[in-house]
Structure formats: structure tokens, C-alpha cells
Amino acid sequence: SSRTRGRVLLAIKPGMIPPYFARDSYEVREIPYDRCPFSGNVCLVGARMYVFSTQTVGLGIIVENQEMVNIFRAMYDAIWAQAQHWKAPIDWEQKKKE
């Protein structure tokens, strides 16, 4: 049976297509890039937050503080509630084969 393991928020720059990732266990939503023009990744797992740069190779930080993670999780949840369900482009899954 399929079970959602996580949630993904995307802010896609106009004209760009996100790299392929398996969506079968993730719920994916999109936020407007013009309102949230960011790059990088933030992962919230338990009492840890992982922040990765996509513009600087090898740059990332780990925050292991429940209070900080709670703040970011509250912000994430607020954004999630406003985000739109993401519909992948028609040929998006074909990109994984290229």
C-alpha cells in the first residue's frame, strides 16, 4: 500500500523544470516563485533541520534544536496550507530515463 512519507514544497523559477524525483510517497505542492524566489533545500526531521545550498557545492548546516525546528515547522505548515497542488509537466517522468 502507498503511504505518504513526506511533503515537498517547490518554488519553480519560470521556464525551469525541476529535476526528476520519485513522487510516489510524497505529497507535492508549489508556491509562487515570484513571491518566494529561493534556492536550496530545507529538510525537517524530528528535532533536526538540514539546510543545503544548491549554489555552493558542499555547503550545508544541521540545526539540532527543538525550538528552532518548531519555528521552521510552523512556518512550513503555514506556507503548505497556502500552496497549490503541483502537477508535473506531461513529459516530466520521461526525464528520469534521459
Protein backbone atom coordinates (compact mmCIF):
# COMPACT_ATOMS: atom_id res chain seq x y z
CA SER A 1 0.00 0.00 0.00
CA SER A 2 1.12 3.54 -0.74
CA ARG A 3 1.89 5.73 2.26
CA THR A 4 2.92 9.38 2.23
CA ARG A 5 6.38 9.71 3.78
CA GLY A 6 6.78 13.40 3.35
CA ARG A 7 5.76 16.71 1.87
CA VAL A 8 7.64 18.68 -0.76
CA LEU A 9 7.23 22.41 -1.41
CA LEU A 10 8.55 23.69 -4.73
CA ALA A 11 9.23 27.26 -5.86
CA ILE A 12 9.90 26.81 -9.58
CA LYS A 13 11.61 29.61 -11.47
CA PRO A 14 9.63 30.44 -14.64
CA GLY A 15 10.88 28.44 -17.60
CA MET A 16 12.62 25.84 -15.41
CA ILE A 17 11.64 22.23 -14.85
CA PRO A 18 12.58 20.63 -11.53
CA PRO A 19 14.82 17.57 -11.70
CA TYR A 20 13.04 14.24 -11.58
CA PHE A 21 12.35 12.69 -8.18
CA ALA A 22 10.10 9.77 -7.25
CA ARG A 23 6.80 11.25 -6.11
CA ASP A 24 5.04 8.04 -5.15
CA SER A 25 5.43 8.59 -1.40
CA TYR A 26 5.47 12.39 -1.30
CA GLU A 27 2.73 14.97 -1.50
CA VAL A 28 3.96 17.86 -3.63
CA ARG A 29 2.75 21.46 -3.63
CA GLU A 30 4.01 24.59 -5.34
CA ILE A 31 4.44 28.15 -4.11
CA PRO A 32 4.78 31.12 -6.48
CA TYR A 33 8.44 31.73 -7.33
CA ASP A 34 7.86 35.48 -7.70
CA ARG A 35 6.77 35.63 -4.04
CA CYS A 36 9.38 33.18 -2.73
CA PRO A 37 12.45 33.32 -5.00
CA PHE A 38 14.76 30.97 -3.15
CA SER A 39 17.06 28.12 -4.00
CA GLY A 40 18.37 25.36 -1.77
CA ASN A 41 16.73 22.72 0.36
CA VAL A 42 15.45 22.58 3.92
CA CYS A 43 14.56 19.24 5.50
CA LEU A 44 12.82 18.96 8.86
CA VAL A 45 13.24 15.57 10.54
CA GLY A 46 12.32 15.14 14.19
CA ALA A 47 14.33 17.65 16.25
CA ARG A 48 16.76 18.35 13.38
CA MET A 49 16.77 20.77 10.47
CA TYR A 50 19.06 20.24 7.49
CA VAL A 51 19.75 23.24 5.25
CA PHE A 52 21.57 22.72 1.95
CA SER A 53 22.79 25.23 -0.61
CA THR A 54 22.22 24.37 -4.26
CA GLN A 55 24.55 27.14 -5.42
CA THR A 56 27.60 26.32 -3.29
CA VAL A 57 28.83 22.73 -3.54
CA GLY A 58 29.23 21.05 -0.17
CA LEU A 59 27.56 23.80 1.86
CA GLY A 60 25.02 22.70 4.42
CA ILE A 61 24.22 23.06 8.08
CA ILE A 62 22.44 20.90 10.63
CA VAL A 63 20.46 22.55 13.40
CA GLU A 64 19.69 20.25 16.29
CA ASN A 65 17.45 22.39 18.47
CA GLN A 66 13.78 21.59 19.04
CA GLU A 67 12.78 25.25 19.48
CA MET A 68 14.35 26.29 16.14
CA VAL A 69 12.86 23.28 14.34
CA ASN A 70 9.42 24.08 15.80
CA ILE A 71 9.67 27.65 14.45
CA PHE A 72 10.59 26.45 10.95
CA ARG A 73 7.97 23.68 11.04
CA ALA A 74 5.27 26.26 11.93
CA MET A 75 6.38 28.45 9.00
CA TYR A 76 6.46 25.42 6.68
CA ASP A 77 2.95 24.40 7.75
CA ALA A 78 1.64 27.93 7.15
CA ILE A 79 3.15 28.00 3.66
CA TRP A 80 1.93 24.46 2.95
CA ALA A 81 -1.65 25.46 3.77
CA GLN A 82 -1.48 28.22 1.12
CA ALA A 83 0.39 26.25 -1.55
CA GLN A 84 -1.24 24.75 -4.63
CA HIS A 85 -1.09 21.07 -5.54
CA TRP A 86 1.72 20.60 -8.07
CA LYS A 87 1.00 18.97 -11.37
CA ALA A 88 4.13 17.60 -13.06
CA PRO A 89 4.67 18.52 -16.72
CA ILE A 90 3.45 15.83 -19.13
CA ASP A 91 6.95 14.63 -20.11
CA TRP A 92 8.49 15.14 -16.67
CA GLU A 93 8.73 11.45 -15.76
CA GLN A 94 10.46 10.76 -19.07
CA LYS A 95 13.35 12.96 -17.90
CA LYS A 96 14.43 10.20 -15.48
CA LYS A 97 15.23 7.97 -18.46
CA GLU A 98 17.46 10.54 -20.19
